[in-house]
Amino acid sequence: MNQLETFSQFLKGEETVKLSGFSTDVIQDLKKTKQSLKNEGTTLDIEGVNVERSENKEENQTTITYKGDFIYGFQKDNIFHELPGDLSSKKERKINENGTVKFIIKNSTGKIESIYESFAGNTWGEKQKKKSWGKIILIILALYIAYNLFG
């Protein structure tokens, strides 16, 4: 079973899925997500249908990306919904998303340290550091204004 299958089977509620290749942080986050969905009476239903797997190995980490078409939604009482908790979003279970699911593996441990899916922008495990262009622009703008006022 590959990373995507393990991830999706676990969130669908499969009890026999082993998360041995996942870091403690990712496992805790996945269990929180699964419990939260369970409290709502739903499961996350994600399945890659026409996906391509690519692997990018760097010095400290390896990124495995599954990109393509997905079924992405929520199951409640065996009914597929595109939105959690919104029974009016009942749909036929079919391909409804195009995007990516990324698994970041720390090379030194061989464990998945982070999972990211592009459909709702969810991340599990170690949060990936992203540049905040909005903050950078505000700082540059503030410096420019200060320079013009006081310089």
N, C-alpha and C. Protein backbone atom coordinates (compact mmCIF):
# COMPACT_ATOMS: atom_id res chain seq x y z
N MET A 1 0.85 -1.17 0.00
CA MET A 1 0.00 0.00 0.00
C MET A 1 0.90 1.24 0.00
N ASN A 2 0.64 2.19 -0.90
CA ASN A 2 1.45 3.39 -0.95
C ASN A 2 0.97 4.43 0.08
N GLN A 3 1.68 5.54 0.17
CA GLN A 3 1.37 6.56 1.17
C GLN A 3 -0.05 7.11 1.02
N LEU A 4 -0.45 7.37 -0.21
CA LEU A 4 -1.78 7.92 -0.45
C LEU A 4 -2.88 6.95 -0.03
N GLU A 5 -2.71 5.68 -0.35
CA GLU A 5 -3.70 4.68 0.03
C GLU A 5 -3.78 4.52 1.55
N THR A 6 -2.62 4.49 2.21
CA THR A 6 -2.60 4.36 3.66
C THR A 6 -3.31 5.54 4.31
N PHE A 7 -2.97 6.75 3.86
CA PHE A 7 -3.58 7.98 4.35
C PHE A 7 -5.10 7.96 4.19
N SER A 8 -5.55 7.65 2.98
CA SER A 8 -7.00 7.68 2.72
C SER A 8 -7.74 6.56 3.45
N GLN A 9 -7.15 5.38 3.51
CA GLN A 9 -7.81 4.27 4.21
C GLN A 9 -7.96 4.57 5.69
N PHE A 10 -6.93 5.17 6.28
CA PHE A 10 -7.00 5.52 7.70
C PHE A 10 -8.13 6.51 7.96
N LEU A 11 -8.22 7.56 7.14
CA LEU A 11 -9.25 8.59 7.35
C LEU A 11 -10.65 8.08 7.02
N LYS A 12 -10.73 7.05 6.19
CA LYS A 12 -12.04 6.45 5.89
C LYS A 12 -12.53 5.57 7.04
N GLY A 13 -11.64 5.32 8.02
CA GLY A 13 -12.05 4.55 9.18
C GLY A 13 -11.58 3.13 9.22
N GLU A 14 -10.74 2.74 8.26
CA GLU A 14 -10.21 1.37 8.26
C GLU A 14 -9.40 1.17 9.54
N GLU A 15 -9.78 0.22 10.34
CA GLU A 15 -9.12 -0.01 11.64
C GLU A 15 -7.82 -0.79 11.52
N THR A 16 -7.60 -1.49 10.43
CA THR A 16 -6.41 -2.32 10.30
C THR A 16 -5.23 -1.60 9.67
N VAL A 17 -5.40 -0.33 9.32
CA VAL A 17 -4.33 0.43 8.66
C VAL A 17 -3.21 0.72 9.66
N LYS A 18 -1.99 0.37 9.27
CA LYS A 18 -0.81 0.61 10.10
C LYS A 18 -0.14 1.90 9.64
N LEU A 19 0.13 2.78 10.59
CA LEU A 19 0.77 4.06 10.29
C LEU A 19 2.24 4.04 10.69
N SER A 20 2.91 2.91 10.55
CA SER A 20 4.29 2.77 11.00
C SER A 20 5.26 3.66 10.24
N GLY A 21 4.96 4.05 9.03
CA GLY A 21 5.84 4.92 8.25
C GLY A 21 5.57 6.40 8.47
N PHE A 22 4.74 6.74 9.46
CA PHE A 22 4.36 8.12 9.72
C PHE A 22 4.98 8.58 11.04
N SER A 23 5.37 9.86 11.12
CA SER A 23 5.93 10.40 12.36
C SER A 23 4.83 10.52 13.42
N THR A 24 5.26 10.66 14.66
CA THR A 24 4.32 10.80 15.78
C THR A 24 3.42 12.02 15.58
N ASP A 25 3.98 13.14 15.12
CA ASP A 25 3.18 14.36 14.90
C ASP A 25 2.08 14.14 13.86
N VAL A 26 2.44 13.47 12.77
CA VAL A 26 1.45 13.21 11.72
C VAL A 26 0.37 12.27 12.25
N ILE A 27 0.77 11.23 12.95
CA ILE A 27 -0.21 10.28 13.49
C ILE A 27 -1.17 10.99 14.44
N GLN A 28 -0.65 11.84 15.32
CA GLN A 28 -1.51 12.57 16.26
C GLN A 28 -2.49 13.47 15.51
N ASP A 29 -2.00 14.19 14.49
CA ASP A 29 -2.88 15.07 13.71
C ASP A 29 -3.94 14.28 12.95
N LEU A 30 -3.54 13.15 12.37
CA LEU A 30 -4.51 12.33 11.65
C LEU A 30 -5.57 11.76 12.59
N LYS A 31 -5.14 11.35 13.78
CA LYS A 31 -6.11 10.82 14.77
C LYS A 31 -7.07 11.92 15.22
N LYS A 32 -6.57 13.15 15.39
CA LYS A 32 -7.44 14.28 15.76
C LYS A 32 -8.47 14.54 14.67
N THR A 33 -8.00 14.54 13.43
CA THR A 33 -8.91 14.76 12.30
C THR A 33 -9.96 13.66 12.24
N LYS A 34 -9.50 12.42 12.37
CA LYS A 34 -10.41 11.28 12.31
C LYS A 34 -11.45 11.34 13.44
N GLN A 35 -11.00 11.70 14.66
CA GLN A 35 -11.91 11.80 15.80
C GLN A 35 -12.91 12.94 15.61
N SER A 36 -12.44 14.06 15.11
CA SER A 36 -13.32 15.20 14.86
C SER A 36 -14.41 14.84 13.85
N LEU A 37 -14.00 14.17 12.78
CA LEU A 37 -14.97 13.73 11.78
C LEU A 37 -15.93 12.70 12.36
N LYS A 38 -15.38 11.80 13.18
CA LYS A 38 -16.20 10.76 13.80
C LYS A 38 -17.27 11.40 14.71
N ASN A 39 -16.88 12.46 15.44
CA ASN A 39 -17.83 13.17 16.30
C ASN A 39 -18.98 13.77 15.50
N GLU A 40 -18.69 14.14 14.23
CA GLU A 40 -19.72 14.67 13.34
C GLU A 40 -20.47 13.55 12.61
N GLY A 41 -19.99 12.33 12.79
CA GLY A 41 -20.62 11.19 12.11
C GLY A 41 -20.19 11.04 10.67
N THR A 42 -19.03 11.62 10.31
CA THR A 42 -18.55 11.55 8.93
C THR A 42 -17.15 10.95 8.88
N THR A 43 -16.74 10.61 7.67
CA THR A 43 -15.36 10.22 7.40
C THR A 43 -14.90 10.99 6.17
N LEU A 44 -13.60 11.25 6.09
CA LEU A 44 -13.04 11.90 4.91
C LEU A 44 -12.86 10.84 3.85
N ASP A 45 -13.41 11.09 2.69
CA ASP A 45 -13.35 10.14 1.58
C ASP A 45 -12.47 10.76 0.50
N ILE A 46 -11.25 10.27 0.40
CA ILE A 46 -10.32 10.78 -0.60
C ILE A 46 -9.71 9.59 -1.33
N GLU A 47 -9.77 9.66 -2.64
CA GLU A 47 -9.24 8.56 -3.45
C GLU A 47 -8.66 9.12 -4.73
N GLY A 48 -7.41 8.77 -4.99
CA GLY A 48 -6.80 9.14 -6.26
C GLY A 48 -7.31 8.24 -7.35
N VAL A 49 -7.73 8.81 -8.47
CA VAL A 49 -8.28 8.01 -9.56
C VAL A 49 -7.31 7.99 -10.74
N ASN A 50 -6.98 9.14 -11.24
CA ASN A 50 -6.01 9.25 -12.33
C ASN A 50 -4.85 10.08 -11.83
N VAL A 51 -3.99 9.48 -11.03
CA VAL A 51 -2.90 10.24 -10.43
C VAL A 51 -1.54 9.74 -10.90
N GLU A 52 -0.63 10.68 -10.94
CA GLU A 52 0.76 10.35 -11.22
C GLU A 52 1.57 10.59 -9.96
N ARG A 53 2.46 9.69 -9.68
CA ARG A 53 3.32 9.79 -8.51
C ARG A 53 4.68 10.29 -8.96
N SER A 54 5.19 11.30 -8.25
CA SER A 54 6.55 11.77 -8.53
C SER A 54 7.29 11.86 -7.20
N GLU A 55 8.61 11.77 -7.31
CA GLU A 55 9.44 11.78 -6.11
C GLU A 55 10.59 12.76 -6.33
N ASN A 56 10.78 13.65 -5.36
CA ASN A 56 11.86 14.63 -5.42
C ASN A 56 12.72 14.46 -4.17
N LYS A 57 13.93 13.92 -4.35
CA LYS A 57 14.81 13.65 -3.22
C LYS A 57 15.80 14.80 -3.08
N GLU A 58 15.83 15.38 -1.88
CA GLU A 58 16.77 16.44 -1.55
C GLU A 58 17.67 15.93 -0.43
N GLU A 59 18.56 16.78 0.04
CA GLU A 59 19.52 16.36 1.06
C GLU A 59 18.86 15.87 2.34
N ASN A 60 17.88 16.62 2.86
CA ASN A 60 17.27 16.29 4.15
C ASN A 60 15.90 15.63 4.05
N GLN A 61 15.24 15.80 2.92
CA GLN A 61 13.88 15.27 2.81
C GLN A 61 13.59 14.81 1.40
N THR A 62 12.59 13.95 1.32
CA THR A 62 12.07 13.48 0.05
C THR A 62 10.59 13.87 -0.02
N THR A 63 10.19 14.45 -1.13
CA THR A 63 8.79 14.82 -1.32
C THR A 63 8.18 13.87 -2.33
N ILE A 64 7.13 13.20 -1.92
CA ILE A 64 6.38 12.33 -2.82
C ILE A 64 5.06 13.03 -3.10
N THR A 65 4.80 13.26 -4.38
CA THR A 65 3.62 14.01 -4.79
C THR A 65 2.73 13.13 -5.65
N TYR A 66 1.46 13.11 -5.29
CA TYR A 66 0.43 12.45 -6.10
C TYR A 66 -0.39 13.56 -6.70
N LYS A 67 -0.37 13.67 -8.03
CA LYS A 67 -1.06 14.76 -8.71
C LYS A 67 -2.00 14.19 -9.76
N GLY A 68 -3.21 14.76 -9.80
CA GLY A 68 -4.17 14.31 -10.79
C GLY A 68 -5.59 14.47 -10.33
N ASP A 69 -6.44 13.53 -10.73
CA ASP A 69 -7.87 13.58 -10.42
C ASP A 69 -8.17 12.77 -9.17
N PHE A 70 -9.06 13.32 -8.35
CA PHE A 70 -9.40 12.70 -7.08
C PHE A 70 -10.90 12.73 -6.84
N ILE A 71 -11.33 11.77 -6.06
CA ILE A 71 -12.64 11.83 -5.42
C ILE A 71 -12.33 12.41 -4.04
N TYR A 72 -13.00 13.51 -3.69
CA TYR A 72 -12.72 14.17 -2.42
C TYR A 72 -14.03 14.63 -1.82
N GLY A 73 -14.37 14.11 -0.66
CA GLY A 73 -15.60 14.50 0.00
C GLY A 73 -15.72 13.81 1.35
N PHE A 74 -16.94 13.71 1.80
CA PHE A 74 -17.20 13.18 3.13
C PHE A 74 -18.33 12.18 3.05
N GLN A 75 -18.18 11.08 3.77
CA GLN A 75 -19.23 10.06 3.84
C GLN A 75 -19.97 10.21 5.16
N LYS A 76 -21.27 10.26 5.06
CA LYS A 76 -22.11 10.25 6.25
C LYS A 76 -23.29 9.33 5.96
N ASP A 77 -23.45 8.32 6.79
CA ASP A 77 -24.51 7.32 6.58
C ASP A 77 -24.46 6.75 5.16
N ASN A 78 -23.23 6.48 4.69
CA ASN A 78 -22.98 5.92 3.36
C ASN A 78 -23.46 6.81 2.22
N ILE A 79 -23.57 8.10 2.49
CA ILE A 79 -23.94 9.08 1.46
C ILE A 79 -22.76 10.02 1.28
N PHE A 80 -22.37 10.27 0.03
CA PHE A 80 -21.23 11.13 -0.29
C PHE A 80 -21.68 12.59 -0.31
N HIS A 81 -20.91 13.43 0.39
CA HIS A 81 -21.17 14.87 0.44
C HIS A 81 -19.88 15.60 0.10
N GLU A 82 -20.00 16.68 -0.64
CA GLU A 82 -18.79 17.44 -0.96
C GLU A 82 -18.35 18.31 0.20
N LEU A 83 -19.26 18.67 1.08
CA LEU A 83 -18.94 19.51 2.23
C LEU A 83 -19.31 18.78 3.52
N PRO A 84 -18.45 18.85 4.54
CA PRO A 84 -18.78 18.17 5.79
C PRO A 84 -19.93 18.87 6.50
N GLY A 85 -20.87 18.12 6.99
CA GLY A 85 -21.98 18.68 7.76
C GLY A 85 -23.05 19.36 6.93
N ASP A 86 -22.88 19.42 5.62
CA ASP A 86 -23.87 20.07 4.76
C ASP A 86 -24.58 18.99 3.95
N LEU A 87 -25.72 18.55 4.47
CA LEU A 87 -26.44 17.46 3.81
C LEU A 87 -26.97 17.85 2.44
N SER A 88 -27.09 19.15 2.18
CA SER A 88 -27.56 19.58 0.86
C SER A 88 -26.47 19.40 -0.20
N SER A 89 -25.25 19.11 0.21
CA SER A 89 -24.17 18.94 -0.76
C SER A 89 -24.05 17.49 -1.22
N LYS A 90 -25.11 16.71 -1.02
CA LYS A 90 -25.12 15.31 -1.43
C LYS A 90 -24.85 15.22 -2.94
N LYS A 91 -23.88 14.38 -3.28
CA LYS A 91 -23.49 14.22 -4.68
C LYS A 91 -23.22 12.76 -4.97
N GLU A 92 -23.15 12.46 -6.24
CA GLU A 92 -22.71 11.14 -6.66
C GLU A 92 -21.22 11.04 -6.37
N ARG A 93 -20.78 9.89 -5.90
CA ARG A 93 -19.35 9.71 -5.61
C ARG A 93 -18.61 9.49 -6.92
N LYS A 94 -17.94 10.54 -7.36
CA LYS A 94 -17.18 10.48 -8.61
C LYS A 94 -16.06 11.51 -8.54
N ILE A 95 -15.21 11.54 -9.55
CA ILE A 95 -14.12 12.50 -9.59
C ILE A 95 -14.70 13.90 -9.51
N ASN A 96 -14.22 14.67 -8.52
CA ASN A 96 -14.73 16.03 -8.37
C ASN A 96 -13.62 17.04 -8.06
N GLU A 97 -12.38 16.58 -8.01
CA GLU A 97 -11.26 17.47 -7.70
C GLU A 97 -10.06 17.12 -8.58
N ASN A 98 -9.26 18.14 -8.83
CA ASN A 98 -7.97 17.96 -9.47
C ASN A 98 -6.97 18.68 -8.60
N GLY A 99 -5.91 18.00 -8.22
CA GLY A 99 -4.94 18.64 -7.34
C GLY A 99 -3.85 17.70 -6.92
N THR A 100 -3.29 17.98 -5.73
CA THR A 100 -2.15 17.21 -5.26
C THR A 100 -2.28 16.83 -3.80
N VAL A 101 -1.64 15.73 -3.47
CA VAL A 101 -1.42 15.33 -2.09
C VAL A 101 0.09 15.08 -2.00
N LYS A 102 0.74 15.79 -1.06
CA LYS A 102 2.20 15.68 -0.90
C LYS A 102 2.54 15.06 0.44
N PHE A 103 3.54 14.21 0.40
CA PHE A 103 4.07 13.57 1.60
C PHE A 103 5.53 13.96 1.71
N ILE A 104 5.90 14.60 2.82
CA ILE A 104 7.29 15.00 3.06
C ILE A 104 7.91 13.97 4.01
N ILE A 105 8.95 13.31 3.55
CA ILE A 105 9.61 12.27 4.32
C ILE A 105 10.99 12.78 4.75
N LYS A 106 11.24 12.71 6.04
CA LYS A 106 12.57 13.08 6.57
C LYS A 106 13.52 11.94 6.26
N ASN A 107 14.57 12.24 5.51
CA ASN A 107 15.49 11.19 5.07
C ASN A 107 16.18 10.47 6.23
N SER A 108 16.48 11.20 7.29
CA SER A 108 17.22 10.59 8.40
C SER A 108 16.40 9.55 9.16
N THR A 109 15.07 9.70 9.16
CA THR A 109 14.22 8.75 9.89
C THR A 109 13.43 7.83 8.97
N GLY A 110 13.24 8.27 7.72
CA GLY A 110 12.40 7.50 6.80
C GLY A 110 10.92 7.63 7.09
N LYS A 111 10.55 8.56 7.97
CA LYS A 111 9.15 8.75 8.38
C LYS A 111 8.52 9.94 7.66
N ILE A 112 7.23 9.84 7.41
CA ILE A 112 6.48 10.96 6.84
C ILE A 112 6.32 12.00 7.94
N GLU A 113 6.87 13.19 7.70
CA GLU A 113 6.85 14.27 8.68
C GLU A 113 5.71 15.25 8.43
N SER A 114 5.18 15.26 7.21
CA SER A 114 4.12 16.21 6.87
C SER A 114 3.33 15.70 5.68
N ILE A 115 2.03 15.98 5.71
CA ILE A 115 1.14 15.67 4.59
C ILE A 115 0.40 16.95 4.25
N TYR A 116 0.29 17.25 2.97
CA TYR A 116 -0.45 18.43 2.51
C TYR A 116 -1.37 18.01 1.37
N GLU A 117 -2.62 18.46 1.43
CA GLU A 117 -3.53 18.24 0.29
C GLU A 117 -4.02 19.59 -0.18
N SER A 118 -4.08 19.76 -1.50
CA SER A 118 -4.41 21.06 -2.09
C SER A 118 -5.91 21.34 -2.18
N PHE A 119 -6.75 20.37 -1.95
CA PHE A 119 -8.19 20.54 -2.14
C PHE A 119 -8.77 21.54 -1.14
N ALA A 120 -8.44 21.36 0.13
CA ALA A 120 -8.91 22.28 1.18
C ALA A 120 -7.74 22.96 1.86
N GLY A 121 -6.52 22.64 1.44
CA GLY A 121 -5.33 23.24 2.02
C GLY A 121 -4.95 22.69 3.38
N ASN A 122 -5.37 21.47 3.69
CA ASN A 122 -5.07 20.85 4.98
C ASN A 122 -3.63 20.37 5.03
N THR A 123 -3.03 20.49 6.22
CA THR A 123 -1.69 19.98 6.49
C THR A 123 -1.72 19.20 7.79
N TRP A 124 -1.06 18.05 7.79
CA TRP A 124 -0.93 17.24 9.00
C TRP A 124 0.55 17.09 9.29
N GLY A 125 0.92 17.14 10.58
CA GLY A 125 2.30 16.96 10.97
C GLY A 125 3.06 18.26 11.00
N GLU A 126 4.36 18.16 10.79
CA GLU A 126 5.23 19.32 10.83
C GLU A 126 4.78 20.32 9.76
N LYS A 127 4.45 21.51 10.20
CA LYS A 127 3.96 22.52 9.27
C LYS A 127 5.11 23.01 8.40
N GLN A 128 4.84 23.09 7.13
CA GLN A 128 5.85 23.57 6.20
C GLN A 128 5.98 25.08 6.29
N LYS A 129 7.20 25.56 6.29
CA LYS A 129 7.44 27.00 6.39
C LYS A 129 7.20 27.62 5.03
N LYS A 130 6.30 28.60 5.01
CA LYS A 130 6.00 29.30 3.78
C LYS A 130 6.35 30.77 3.98
N LYS A 131 6.82 31.38 2.93
CA LYS A 131 7.09 32.81 3.00
C LYS A 131 5.76 33.55 2.99
N SER A 132 5.66 34.50 3.87
CA SER A 132 4.45 35.30 3.91
C SER A 132 4.70 36.60 3.15
N TRP A 133 4.32 36.59 1.88
CA TRP A 133 4.57 37.75 1.03
C TRP A 133 3.82 38.97 1.53
N GLY A 134 2.67 38.79 2.11
CA GLY A 134 1.91 39.92 2.63
C GLY A 134 2.68 40.65 3.71
N LYS A 135 3.29 39.91 4.63
CA LYS A 135 4.08 40.52 5.71
C LYS A 135 5.32 41.20 5.15
N ILE A 136 5.97 40.55 4.19
CA ILE A 136 7.17 41.13 3.59
C ILE A 136 6.83 42.44 2.89
N ILE A 137 5.74 42.47 2.15
CA ILE A 137 5.32 43.68 1.45
C ILE A 137 4.99 44.79 2.45
N LEU A 138 4.30 44.47 3.54
CA LEU A 138 3.98 45.47 4.56
C LEU A 138 5.24 46.06 5.19
N ILE A 139 6.22 45.21 5.45
CA ILE A 139 7.47 45.70 6.03
C ILE A 139 8.18 46.63 5.06
N ILE A 140 8.25 46.25 3.80
CA ILE A 140 8.89 47.10 2.79
C ILE A 140 8.14 48.41 2.66
N LEU A 141 6.81 48.36 2.64
CA LEU A 141 5.99 49.57 2.54
C LEU A 141 6.21 50.47 3.75
N ALA A 142 6.26 49.88 4.94
CA ALA A 142 6.48 50.67 6.16
C ALA A 142 7.85 51.34 6.12
N LEU A 143 8.87 50.60 5.68
CA LEU A 143 10.22 51.19 5.56
C LEU A 143 10.24 52.32 4.54
N TYR A 144 9.55 52.15 3.44
CA TYR A 144 9.49 53.19 2.40
C TYR A 144 8.82 54.45 2.93
N ILE A 145 7.70 54.27 3.64
CA ILE A 145 6.97 55.42 4.21
C ILE A 145 7.83 56.11 5.26
N ALA A 146 8.45 55.32 6.12
CA ALA A 146 9.30 55.89 7.18
C ALA A 146 10.47 56.66 6.56
N TYR A 147 11.06 56.14 5.52
CA TYR A 147 12.17 56.80 4.85
C TYR A 147 11.72 58.14 4.27
N ASN A 148 10.54 58.16 3.63
CA ASN A 148 10.02 59.39 3.01
C ASN A 148 9.58 60.41 4.06
N LEU A 149 9.10 59.95 5.21
CA LEU A 149 8.66 60.87 6.25
C LEU A 149 9.83 61.43 7.07
N PHE A 150 10.77 60.56 7.38
CA PHE A 150 11.84 60.95 8.29
C PHE A 150 13.21 61.05 7.63
N GLY A 151 13.31 60.61 6.41
CA GLY A 151 14.62 60.56 5.77
C GLY A 151 14.89 61.75 5.01
